[in-house]
C-alpha atoms as a PDB file:
ATOM      1  CA  MET A   1     110.828 102.355 123.386  1.00  0.00           C
ATOM      2  CA  LEU A   2     113.114 105.344 123.886  1.00  0.00           C
ATOM      3  CA  GLN A   3     113.126 104.866 127.666  1.00  0.00           C
ATOM      4  CA  PHE A   4     115.185 101.703 127.184  1.00  0.00           C
ATOM      5  CA  PHE A   5     117.910 103.550 125.304  1.00  0.00           C
ATOM      6  CA  GLN A   6     119.076 105.888 128.091  1.00  0.00           C
ATOM      7  CA  GLU A   7     122.155 103.701 128.507  1.00  0.00           C
ATOM      8  CA  ILE A   8     123.148 104.406 124.891  1.00  0.00           C
ATOM      9  CA  LYS A   9     121.608 107.849 124.252  1.00  0.00           C
ATOM     10  CA  ASP A  10     124.991 109.526 123.751  1.00  0.00           C
ATOM     11  CA  GLU A  11     126.113 106.825 121.318  1.00  0.00           C
ATOM     12  CA  LEU A  12     122.800 107.039 119.432  1.00  0.00           C
ATOM     13  CA  ALA A  13     123.321 110.795 119.091  1.00  0.00           C
ATOM     14  CA  VAL A  14     126.681 110.076 117.443  1.00  0.00           C
ATOM     15  CA  VAL A  15     125.003 107.557 115.123  1.00  0.00           C
ATOM     16  CA  GLU A  16     122.410 110.192 114.169  1.00  0.00           C
ATOM     17  CA  ARG A  17     125.131 112.676 113.250  1.00  0.00           C
ATOM     18  CA  GLU A  18     126.951 110.049 111.214  1.00  0.00           C
ATOM     19  CA  LEU A  19     123.728 109.197 109.383  1.00  0.00           C
ATOM     20  CA  GLN A  20     123.305 112.853 108.474  1.00  0.00           C
ATOM     21  CA  ASN A  21     126.887 112.979 107.232  1.00  0.00           C
ATOM     22  CA  ALA A  22     126.482 109.782 105.217  1.00  0.00           C
ATOM     23  CA  LEU A  23     123.548 111.310 103.320  1.00  0.00           C
ATOM     24  CA  GLN A  24     125.271 114.513 102.277  1.00  0.00           C
ATOM     25  CA  THR A  25     125.987 114.388  98.546  1.00  0.00           C
ATOM     26  CA  PRO A  26     127.100 116.858  95.850  1.00  0.00           C
ATOM     27  CA  ASP A  27     123.601 116.624  94.329  1.00  0.00           C
ATOM     28  CA  PRO A  28     121.026 118.801  96.161  1.00  0.00           C
ATOM     29  CA  LEU A  29     118.050 116.689  95.048  1.00  0.00           C
ATOM     30  CA  LEU A  30     119.677 113.451  96.168  1.00  0.00           C
ATOM     31  CA  THR A  31     120.612 114.963  99.519  1.00  0.00           C
ATOM     32  CA  GLU A  32     117.098 116.342 100.062  1.00  0.00           C
ATOM     33  CA  THR A  33     115.366 113.093  99.188  1.00  0.00           C
ATOM     34  CA  ALA A  34     117.850 110.876 101.023  1.00  0.00           C
ATOM     35  CA  THR A  35     117.475 112.878 104.242  1.00  0.00           C
ATOM     36  CA  HIS A  36     113.680 113.193 103.960  1.00  0.00           C
ATOM     37  CA  LEU A  37     112.931 109.888 105.715  1.00  0.00           C
ATOM     38  CA  LEU A  38     115.712 110.460 108.235  1.00  0.00           C
ATOM     39  CA  LYS A  39     114.128 113.758 109.268  1.00  0.00           C
ATOM     40  CA  ALA A  40     110.772 112.028 109.736  1.00  0.00           C
ATOM     41  CA  GLY A  41     112.271 110.320 112.776  1.00  0.00           C
ATOM     42  CA  GLY A  42     112.126 106.676 113.688  1.00  0.00           C
ATOM     43  CA  LYS A  43     113.119 104.470 116.588  1.00  0.00           C
ATOM     44  CA  ARG A  44     116.620 103.619 115.235  1.00  0.00           C
ATOM     45  CA  LEU A  45     116.056 100.131 116.609  1.00  0.00           C
ATOM     46  CA  ARG A  46     118.679  98.393 114.512  1.00  0.00           C
ATOM     47  CA  PRO A  47     121.540 100.754 115.415  1.00  0.00           C
ATOM     48  CA  ALA A  48     120.382 100.604 119.042  1.00  0.00           C
ATOM     49  CA  PHE A  49     120.466  96.807 119.041  1.00  0.00           C
ATOM     50  CA  SER A  50     123.959  96.812 117.563  1.00  0.00           C
ATOM     51  CA  LEU A  51     125.109  99.168 120.322  1.00  0.00           C
ATOM     52  CA  LEU A  52     123.488  97.066 123.040  1.00  0.00           C
ATOM     53  CA  GLY A  53     124.992  93.924 121.525  1.00  0.00           C
ATOM     54  CA  GLY A  54     128.410  95.563 121.691  1.00  0.00           C
ATOM     55  CA  LYS A  55     127.837  96.563 125.296  1.00  0.00           C
ATOM     56  CA  CYS A  56     127.450  92.899 126.165  1.00  0.00           C
ATOM     57  CA  PHE A  57     131.195  92.510 125.531  1.00  0.00           C
ATOM     58  CA  ASN A  58     134.160  94.907 125.209  1.00  0.00           C
ATOM     59  CA  PHE A  59     132.242  97.909 123.887  1.00  0.00           C
ATOM     60  CA  ASN A  60     134.023 100.106 121.360  1.00  0.00           C
ATOM     61  CA  LEU A  61     131.925 102.802 119.681  1.00  0.00           C
ATOM     62  CA  GLU A  62     134.483 103.404 116.961  1.00  0.00           C
ATOM     63  CA  ARG A  63     134.248  99.760 115.922  1.00  0.00           C
ATOM     64  CA  ILE A  64     130.446  99.668 115.959  1.00  0.00           C
ATOM     65  CA  LEU A  65     129.676 103.077 114.434  1.00  0.00           C
ATOM     66  CA  PRO A  66     130.014 102.137 110.732  1.00  0.00           C
ATOM     67  CA  LEU A  67     127.855  99.053 111.347  1.00  0.00           C
ATOM     68  CA  ALA A  68     125.155 101.033 113.161  1.00  0.00           C
ATOM     69  CA  VAL A  69     124.963 103.557 110.314  1.00  0.00           C
ATOM     70  CA  ALA A  70     124.900 100.852 107.637  1.00  0.00           C
ATOM     71  CA  LEU A  71     122.125  98.938 109.413  1.00  0.00           C
ATOM     72  CA  GLU A  72     119.877 101.992 109.479  1.00  0.00           C
ATOM     73  CA  LEU A  73     120.616 102.783 105.823  1.00  0.00           C
ATOM     74  CA  ILE A  74     119.644  99.234 104.825  1.00  0.00           C
ATOM     75  CA  HIS A  75     116.442  99.537 106.843  1.00  0.00           C
ATOM     76  CA  MET A  76     115.632 102.938 105.323  1.00  0.00           C
ATOM     77  CA  ALA A  77     116.213 101.584 101.823  1.00  0.00           C
ATOM     78  CA  THR A  78     113.694  98.791 102.417  1.00  0.00           C
ATOM     79  CA  LEU A  79     111.122 101.285 103.755  1.00  0.00           C
ATOM     80  CA  ILE A  80     111.455 103.491 100.678  1.00  0.00           C
ATOM     81  CA  HIS A  81     111.051 100.530  98.352  1.00  0.00           C
ATOM     82  CA  ASP A  82     108.097  99.272 100.412  1.00  0.00           C
ATOM     83  CA  ASP A  83     106.378 102.636 100.010  1.00  0.00           C
ATOM     84  CA  VAL A  84     106.764 102.417  96.230  1.00  0.00           C
ATOM     85  CA  VAL A  85     105.332  98.893  96.147  1.00  0.00           C
ATOM     86  CA  ASP A  86     102.488  99.827  98.508  1.00  0.00           C
ATOM     87  CA  ASP A  87     101.680 103.225  96.913  1.00  0.00           C
ATOM     88  CA  ALA A  88     102.050 104.594 100.441  1.00  0.00           C
ATOM     89  CA  GLN A  89     101.299 108.248 101.079  1.00  0.00           C
ATOM     90  CA  THR A  90     102.577 108.476 104.664  1.00  0.00           C
ATOM     91  CA  ARG A  91     105.379 106.968 106.699  1.00  0.00           C
ATOM     92  CA  ARG A  92     105.914 107.792 110.367  1.00  0.00           C
ATOM     93  CA  GLY A  93     103.051 110.251 110.021  1.00  0.00           C
ATOM     94  CA  LYS A  94     104.862 112.227 107.295  1.00  0.00           C
ATOM     95  CA  PRO A  95     104.527 112.218 103.481  1.00  0.00           C
ATOM     96  CA  THR A  96     106.628 109.478 101.907  1.00  0.00           C
ATOM     97  CA  ILE A  97     109.404 110.160  99.416  1.00  0.00           C
ATOM     98  CA  ARG A  98     107.129 108.523  96.862  1.00  0.00           C
ATOM     99  CA  ALA A  99     104.328 110.973  97.695  1.00  0.00           C
ATOM    100  CA  CYS A 100     106.667 113.947  97.359  1.00  0.00           C
ATOM    101  CA  TRP A 101     108.894 112.955  94.435  1.00  0.00           C
ATOM    102  CA  GLY A 102     107.273 109.955  92.753  1.00  0.00           C
ATOM    103  CA  ASN A 103     108.228 106.342  92.173  1.00  0.00           C
ATOM    104  CA  ARG A 104     111.245 106.851  89.910  1.00  0.00           C
ATOM    105  CA  ILE A 105     113.135 109.083  92.325  1.00  0.00           C
ATOM    106  CA  SER A 106     112.109 106.926  95.291  1.00  0.00           C
ATOM    107  CA  THR A 107     113.404 103.736  93.703  1.00  0.00           C
ATOM    108  CA  HIS A 108     116.791 105.256  92.983  1.00  0.00           C
ATOM    109  CA  VAL A 109     117.040 106.840  96.428  1.00  0.00           C
ATOM    110  CA  GLY A 110     116.409 103.441  97.991  1.00  0.00           C
ATOM    111  CA  ASP A 111     119.091 101.924  95.751  1.00  0.00           C
ATOM    112  CA  TYR A 112     121.473 104.737  96.713  1.00  0.00           C
ATOM    113  CA  LEU A 113     121.002 104.171 100.450  1.00  0.00           C
ATOM    114  CA  PHE A 114     121.668 100.474 100.054  1.00  0.00           C
ATOM    115  CA  ALA A 115     124.781 101.168  97.979  1.00  0.00           C
ATOM    116  CA  ARG A 116     126.028 103.628 100.625  1.00  0.00           C
ATOM    117  CA  SER A 117     125.640 100.898 103.242  1.00  0.00           C
ATOM    118  CA  LEU A 118     127.870  98.613 101.136  1.00  0.00           C
ATOM    119  CA  ILE A 119     130.624 101.227 101.024  1.00  0.00           C
ATOM    120  CA  ILE A 120     130.455 101.694 104.778  1.00  0.00           C
ATOM    121  CA  ILE A 121     130.471  97.960 105.565  1.00  0.00           C
ATOM    122  CA  ALA A 122     133.500  97.485 103.299  1.00  0.00           C
ATOM    123  CA  ARG A 123     135.581  99.164 106.043  1.00  0.00           C
ATOM    124  CA  TYR A 124     135.460  96.007 108.178  1.00  0.00           C
ATOM    125  CA  ASP A 125     138.215  93.434 107.935  1.00  0.00           C
ATOM    126  CA  ASN A 126     136.177  90.780 109.772  1.00  0.00           C
ATOM    127  CA  PRO A 127     134.524  88.821 106.915  1.00  0.00           C
ATOM    128  CA  LEU A 128     131.633  87.699 109.130  1.00  0.00           C
ATOM    129  CA  ILE A 129     130.109  91.199 109.160  1.00  0.00           C
ATOM    130  CA  PRO A 130     129.687  91.695 105.379  1.00  0.00           C
ATOM    131  CA  ARG A 131     128.818  88.008 104.949  1.00  0.00           C
ATOM    132  CA  VAL A 132     125.955  88.127 107.461  1.00  0.00           C
ATOM    133  CA  LEU A 133     124.620  91.407 106.056  1.00  0.00           C
ATOM    134  CA  ALA A 134     124.817  90.155 102.471  1.00  0.00           C
ATOM    135  CA  ASP A 135     122.960  86.953 103.361  1.00  0.00           C
ATOM    136  CA  THR A 136     120.410  88.950 105.350  1.00  0.00           C
ATOM    137  CA  SER A 137     119.814  91.376 102.470  1.00  0.00           C
ATOM    138  CA  VAL A 138     119.202  88.530 100.009  1.00  0.00           C
ATOM    139  CA  LYS A 139     116.744  86.817 102.346  1.00  0.00           C
ATOM    140  CA  MET A 140     114.930  90.093 103.065  1.00  0.00           C
ATOM    141  CA  CYS A 141     114.285  90.405  99.322  1.00  0.00           C
ATOM    142  CA  GLU A 142     113.047  86.818  99.238  1.00  0.00           C
ATOM    143  CA  GLY A 143     110.615  87.613 102.044  1.00  0.00           C
ATOM    144  CA  GLU A 144     109.273  90.664 100.248  1.00  0.00           C
ATOM    145  CA  ILE A 145     108.839  88.739  96.984  1.00  0.00           C
ATOM    146  CA  GLN A 146     106.965  86.015  98.848  1.00  0.00           C
ATOM    147  CA  GLN A 147     104.702  88.626 100.423  1.00  0.00           C
ATOM    148  CA  ILE A 148     103.922  90.200  97.050  1.00  0.00           C
ATOM    149  CA  SER A 149     103.334  86.870  95.301  1.00  0.00           C
ATOM    150  CA  GLY A 150     101.106  85.718  98.161  1.00  0.00           C
ATOM    151  CA  SER A 151      98.940  88.846  98.276  1.00  0.00           C
ATOM    152  CA  PHE A 152      95.186  88.231  97.937  1.00  0.00           C
ATOM    153  CA  THR A 153      95.847  84.479  98.206  1.00  0.00           C
ATOM    154  CA  GLU A 154      94.048  82.427 100.854  1.00  0.00           C
ATOM    155  CA  ASP A 155      96.271  79.357 100.580  1.00  0.00           C
ATOM    156  CA  GLN A 156      98.871  80.447 103.138  1.00  0.00           C
ATOM    157  CA  SER A 157      99.863  78.476 106.202  1.00  0.00           C
ATOM    158  CA  VAL A 158     101.243  79.632 109.517  1.00  0.00           C
ATOM    159  CA  ARG A 159     104.559  78.134 108.402  1.00  0.00           C
ATOM    160  CA  ASP A 160     104.492  80.324 105.268  1.00  0.00           C
ATOM    161  CA  TYR A 161     103.822  83.353 107.433  1.00  0.00           C
ATOM    162  CA  PHE A 162     106.699  82.617 109.821  1.00  0.00           C
ATOM    163  CA  TYR A 163     109.052  82.047 106.883  1.00  0.00           C
ATOM    164  CA  ARG A 164     108.087  85.417 105.443  1.00  0.00           C
ATOM    165  CA  ILE A 165     108.323  87.519 108.590  1.00  0.00           C
ATOM    166  CA  ASN A 166     111.631  85.921 109.553  1.00  0.00           C
ATOM    167  CA  ARG A 167     113.092  87.176 106.290  1.00  0.00           C
ATOM    168  CA  LYS A 168     111.193  90.433 106.150  1.00  0.00           C
ATOM    169  CA  THR A 169     111.854  91.609 109.725  1.00  0.00           C
ATOM    170  CA  ALA A 170     113.550  89.225 112.143  1.00  0.00           C
ATOM    171  CA  LEU A 171     116.760  88.597 110.208  1.00  0.00           C
ATOM    172  CA  LEU A 172     117.919  92.226 110.208  1.00  0.00           C
ATOM    173  CA  ILE A 173     117.170  92.608 113.918  1.00  0.00           C
ATOM    174  CA  ALA A 174     119.047  89.353 114.598  1.00  0.00           C
ATOM    175  CA  ALA A 175     122.000  90.573 112.525  1.00  0.00           C
ATOM    176  CA  SER A 176     121.992  93.904 114.374  1.00  0.00           C
ATOM    177  CA  CYS A 177     122.190  92.237 117.787  1.00  0.00           C
ATOM    178  CA  GLN A 178     124.821  89.754 116.655  1.00  0.00           C
ATOM    179  CA  LEU A 179     127.117  92.005 114.652  1.00  0.00           C
ATOM    180  CA  GLY A 180     127.392  94.706 117.301  1.00  0.00           C
ATOM    181  CA  ALA A 181     129.033  92.089 119.490  1.00  0.00           C
ATOM    182  CA  VAL A 182     131.079  90.723 116.581  1.00  0.00           C
ATOM    183  CA  ALA A 183     132.448  94.203 115.861  1.00  0.00           C
ATOM    184  CA  CYS A 184     133.658  94.360 119.476  1.00  0.00           C
ATOM    185  CA  GLY A 185     135.411  91.011 119.228  1.00  0.00           C
ATOM    186  CA  ALA A 186     132.893  88.883 121.122  1.00  0.00           C
ATOM    187  CA  PRO A 187     133.333  85.091 120.949  1.00  0.00           C
ATOM    188  CA  ALA A 188     130.801  82.894 119.164  1.00  0.00           C
ATOM    189  CA  ASP A 189     128.898  81.833 122.283  1.00  0.00           C
ATOM    190  CA  ILE A 190     128.042  85.482 122.971  1.00  0.00           C
ATOM    191  CA  HIS A 191     127.314  86.765 119.471  1.00  0.00           C
ATOM    192  CA  LEU A 192     125.290  83.685 118.510  1.00  0.00           C
ATOM    193  CA  ALA A 193     123.187  84.017 121.678  1.00  0.00           C
ATOM    194  CA  LEU A 194     122.525  87.633 120.720  1.00  0.00           C
ATOM    195  CA  ARG A 195     121.537  86.501 117.241  1.00  0.00           C
ATOM    196  CA  ARG A 196     119.018  84.037 118.699  1.00  0.00           C
ATOM    197  CA  TYR A 197     117.654  86.770 120.927  1.00  0.00           C
ATOM    198  CA  GLY A 198     117.309  89.095 117.941  1.00  0.00           C
ATOM    199  CA  HIS A 199     115.538  86.430 115.901  1.00  0.00           C
ATOM    200  CA  TYR A 200     112.937  85.699 118.553  1.00  0.00           C
ATOM    201  CA  LEU A 201     112.497  89.390 119.312  1.00  0.00           C
ATOM    202  CA  GLY A 202     112.097  90.220 115.607  1.00  0.00           C
ATOM    203  CA  MET A 203     109.411  87.569 115.203  1.00  0.00           C
ATOM    204  CA  ALA A 204     107.539  88.945 118.225  1.00  0.00           C
ATOM    205  CA  PHE A 205     107.972  92.481 116.902  1.00  0.00           C
ATOM    206  CA  GLN A 206     106.463  91.698 113.482  1.00  0.00           C
ATOM    207  CA  ILE A 207     103.538  89.673 114.839  1.00  0.00           C
ATOM    208  CA  THR A 208     102.789  92.570 117.195  1.00  0.00           C
ATOM    209  CA  ASP A 209     102.950  94.957 114.234  1.00  0.00           C
ATOM    210  CA  ASP A 210     100.433  92.787 112.405  1.00  0.00           C
ATOM    211  CA  ILE A 211      98.148  92.799 115.441  1.00  0.00           C
ATOM    212  CA  LEU A 212      98.408  96.574 115.794  1.00  0.00           C
ATOM    213  CA  ASP A 213      97.506  97.007 112.131  1.00  0.00           C
ATOM    214  CA  LEU A 214      94.080  95.737 113.139  1.00  0.00           C
ATOM    215  CA  VAL A 215      93.557  97.218 116.609  1.00  0.00           C
ATOM    216  CA  ALA A 216      95.639 100.399 116.988  1.00  0.00           C
ATOM    217  CA  ARG A 217      94.535 103.941 116.220  1.00  0.00           C
ATOM    218  CA  GLN A 218      95.861 105.630 113.097  1.00  0.00           C
ATOM    219  CA  GLY A 219      97.539 108.308 115.206  1.00  0.00           C
ATOM    220  CA  GLN A 220      99.531 105.608 116.956  1.00  0.00           C
ATOM    221  CA  LEU A 221     100.522 103.758 113.802  1.00  0.00           C
ATOM    222  CA  GLY A 222     101.433 106.755 111.645  1.00  0.00           C
ATOM    223  CA  LYS A 223      99.559 105.047 108.784  1.00  0.00           C
ATOM    224  CA  PRO A 224      95.952 103.953 108.120  1.00  0.00           C
ATOM    225  CA  VAL A 225      94.613 101.060 110.225  1.00  0.00           C
ATOM    226  CA  GLY A 226      93.977  97.947 108.130  1.00  0.00           C
ATOM    227  CA  SER A 227      96.793  98.666 105.661  1.00  0.00           C
ATOM    228  CA  ASP A 228      97.632  94.971 105.348  1.00  0.00           C
ATOM    229  CA  LEU A 229      94.026  94.110 104.492  1.00  0.00           C
ATOM    230  CA  ARG A 230      93.978  96.770 101.778  1.00  0.00           C
ATOM    231  CA  GLN A 231      97.075  95.228 100.225  1.00  0.00           C
ATOM    232  CA  GLY A 232      95.834  91.662 100.560  1.00  0.00           C
ATOM    233  CA  ILE A 233      98.659  90.749 102.959  1.00  0.00           C
ATOM    234  CA  ILE A 234      97.693  87.640 104.911  1.00  0.00           C
ATOM    235  CA  THR A 235      98.957  88.003 108.478  1.00  0.00           C
ATOM    236  CA  LEU A 236      98.785  85.624 111.458  1.00  0.00           C
ATOM    237  CA  PRO A 237      95.469  86.959 112.837  1.00  0.00           C
ATOM    238  CA  VAL A 238      93.929  86.638 109.364  1.00  0.00           C
ATOM    239  CA  ILE A 239      95.170  83.058 108.927  1.00  0.00           C
ATOM    240  CA  TYR A 240      93.633  82.138 112.290  1.00  0.00           C
ATOM    241  CA  ALA A 241      90.350  83.898 111.487  1.00  0.00           C
ATOM    242  CA  LEU A 242      90.070  82.178 108.099  1.00  0.00           C
ATOM    243  CA  GLU A 243      90.253  78.863 109.953  1.00  0.00           C
ATOM    244  CA  GLN A 244      88.127  79.654 113.028  1.00  0.00           C
ATOM    245  CA  SER A 245      85.610  82.375 112.211  1.00  0.00           C
ATOM    246  CA  PRO A 246      81.967  81.190 112.004  1.00  0.00           C
ATOM    247  CA  ARG A 247      81.709  83.489 108.977  1.00  0.00           C
ATOM    248  CA  ARG A 248      84.975  82.397 107.394  1.00  0.00           C
ATOM    249  CA  GLU A 249      83.563  82.177 103.859  1.00  0.00           C
ATOM    250  CA  TYR A 250      82.295  85.731 103.947  1.00  0.00           C
ATOM    251  CA  LEU A 251      85.538  86.891 105.577  1.00  0.00           C
ATOM    252  CA  LYS A 252      87.456  85.187 102.772  1.00  0.00           C
ATOM    253  CA  THR A 253      85.414  87.117 100.224  1.00  0.00           C
ATOM    254  CA  LEU A 254      86.227  90.396 101.957  1.00  0.00           C
ATOM    255  CA  ILE A 255      89.938  89.656 102.325  1.00  0.00           C
ATOM    256  CA  LEU A 256      90.436  88.467  98.760  1.00  0.00           C
ATOM    257  CA  SER A 257      88.569  91.423  97.252  1.00  0.00           C
ATOM    258  CA  ARG A 258      90.922  93.912  95.585  1.00  0.00           C
ATOM    259  CA  GLU A 259      88.346  96.707  95.730  1.00  0.00           C
ATOM    260  CA  LYS A 260      87.458  96.964  99.408  1.00  0.00           C
ATOM    261  CA  ASP A 261      85.913 100.179 100.690  1.00  0.00           C
ATOM    262  CA  GLU A 262      86.401 101.462 104.237  1.00  0.00           C
ATOM    263  CA  LYS A 263      83.181  99.862 105.447  1.00  0.00           C
ATOM    264  CA  GLN A 264      84.306  96.449 104.203  1.00  0.00           C
ATOM    265  CA  ILE A 265      87.748  96.893 105.766  1.00  0.00           C
ATOM    266  CA  GLN A 266      86.139  97.573 109.134  1.00  0.00           C
ATOM    267  CA  GLU A 267      83.752  94.670 108.650  1.00  0.00           C
ATOM    268  CA  ALA A 268      86.692  92.329 108.007  1.00  0.00           C
ATOM    269  CA  ILE A 269      88.514  93.681 111.063  1.00  0.00           C
ATOM    270  CA  ASN A 270      85.450  93.081 113.241  1.00  0.00           C
ATOM    271  CA  LEU A 271      85.154  89.471 112.047  1.00  0.00           C
ATOM    272  CA  ILE A 272      88.856  88.894 112.800  1.00  0.00           C
ATOM    273  CA  LEU A 273      88.503  90.400 116.266  1.00  0.00           C
ATOM    274  CA  ASP A 274      85.337  88.458 117.089  1.00  0.00           C
ATOM    275  CA  CYS A 275      86.862  84.995 116.646  1.00  0.00           C
ATOM    276  CA  GLY A 276      89.769  85.400 119.074  1.00  0.00           C
ATOM    277  CA  ALA A 277      92.461  85.857 116.426  1.00  0.00           C
ATOM    278  CA  ILE A 278      94.097  88.722 118.294  1.00  0.00           C
ATOM    279  CA  GLU A 279      94.307  86.784 121.549  1.00  0.00           C
ATOM    280  CA  HIS A 280      95.715  83.748 119.723  1.00  0.00           C
ATOM    281  CA  SER A 281      98.374  85.854 117.994  1.00  0.00           C
ATOM    282  CA  ALA A 282      99.260  87.655 121.222  1.00  0.00           C
ATOM    283  CA  ALA A 283      99.866  84.280 122.900  1.00  0.00           C
ATOM    284  CA  ILE A 284     102.380  83.407 120.182  1.00  0.00           C
ATOM    285  CA  VAL A 285     104.089  86.765 120.733  1.00  0.00           C
ATOM    286  CA  ARG A 286     104.483  85.884 124.405  1.00  0.00           C
ATOM    287  CA  LYS A 287     106.137  82.576 123.472  1.00  0.00           C
ATOM    288  CA  TYR A 288     108.670  84.356 121.285  1.00  0.00           C
ATOM    289  CA  VAL A 289     109.333  86.915 124.023  1.00  0.00           C
ATOM    290  CA  PHE A 290     110.018  84.075 126.468  1.00  0.00           C
ATOM    291  CA  LYS A 291     112.459  82.462 124.020  1.00  0.00           C
ATOM    292  CA  ALA A 292     114.191  85.812 123.446  1.00  0.00           C
ATOM    293  CA  LYS A 293     114.758  86.325 127.154  1.00  0.00           C
ATOM    294  CA  GLU A 294     115.886  82.732 127.546  1.00  0.00           C
ATOM    295  CA  ALA A 295     118.579  83.285 124.891  1.00  0.00           C
ATOM    296  CA  LEU A 296     120.098  86.033 127.039  1.00  0.00           C
ATOM    297  CA  GLY A 297     120.954  83.555 129.783  1.00  0.00           C
ATOM    298  CA  VAL A 298     124.537  82.918 128.625  1.00  0.00           C
ATOM    299  CA  LEU A 299     125.454  86.608 128.404  1.00  0.00           C
ATOM    300  CA  PRO A 300     127.675  88.250 131.034  1.00  0.00           C
ATOM    301  CA  GLU A 301     125.883  90.267 133.696  1.00  0.00           C
ATOM    302  CA  LYS A 302     126.005  93.765 132.243  1.00  0.00           C
ATOM    303  CA  PRO A 303     123.407  96.580 132.141  1.00  0.00           C
ATOM    304  CA  ALA A 304     122.862  95.922 128.430  1.00  0.00           C
ATOM    305  CA  LYS A 305     121.660  92.397 129.172  1.00  0.00           C
ATOM    306  CA  ASN A 306     118.950  93.722 131.496  1.00  0.00           C
ATOM    307  CA  ILE A 307     117.944  96.340 128.929  1.00  0.00           C
ATOM    308  CA  LEU A 308     117.549  93.704 126.222  1.00  0.00           C
ATOM    309  CA  GLY A 309     115.354  91.698 128.566  1.00  0.00           C
ATOM    310  CA  ALA A 310     113.199  94.742 129.335  1.00  0.00           C
ATOM    311  CA  ILE A 311     112.842  95.476 125.609  1.00  0.00           C
ATOM    312  CA  ALA A 312     111.588  91.923 125.048  1.00  0.00           C
ATOM    313  CA  ASP A 313     108.956  92.427 127.752  1.00  0.00           C
ATOM    314  CA  PHE A 314     107.906  95.716 126.161  1.00  0.00           C
ATOM    315  CA  ILE A 315     107.544  94.183 122.683  1.00  0.00           C
ATOM    316  CA  GLY A 316     104.967  91.797 124.093  1.00  0.00           C
ATOM    317  CA  VAL A 317     102.697  94.582 125.350  1.00  0.00           C
ATOM    318  CA  ARG A 318     103.453  97.570 123.113  1.00  0.00           C
ATOM    319  CA  LYS A 319     100.582  99.607 121.680  1.00  0.00           C
ATOM    320  CA  PHE A 320     102.496 101.507 118.944  1.00  0.00           C
END
């Protein structure tokens, strides 16, 4: 993914420095924990999308910088809370804050990062920016609650899945693409097109993530393969397999079991792979990628537009 960000590498370096500055506090423990995930790395996709969105109009780094920092803080806060909910030991191949400091500290660090993002966003006088981020944050929580309440439950439709991943993943990517342009003063036809692009791209991104959870190597993922199955999270390939697998009843038993061992996890993965669920899900990814690229059609001809198109193509074939 980094190869697509050469156009904005200098701006991303500024964002990284501002993130470091935003996490410096008078309390040594809070500073150490808050910067722990930042030091573990990450793609910085949401800040990058805000920068690229801005470069589709009258780019102004000073106007976008607070937004880019706030977007990454919101994303980091959700990751920390996810790790508490999931009892996760690793994130990006490194020990999680939860693994190092426990659930209580992790929960408050996540809350702190989100609160810091609110302070930063309050600098904007354009009401659309805080309004979109507030609405997005609420819906992200709704998506997570739906995922938790639906764990180890077979009665989930494709529509339920799309509703959940839109809130869990796509909305923040859509907001990132849109608000970067908004911060630079772009008119509605441009920033709404970028929002549509971000929505379709975010959907493709999450479905691909759910595919990779079943087929990638642990070294590529930075976390154990089959994590969703362990947590009882019903993803698109699983929904398809529960409908189409010749051994769907046995697969259902494996998926709904709360005490699966590694052999059973691999057995479930094999049954999902054998019925064409991965190919079916990949075809849906390609449809979303097509829609994402189609949304770019109204944008002015700038390098950022071509980069966004190339990123969409990459999402459809990525292996990590």
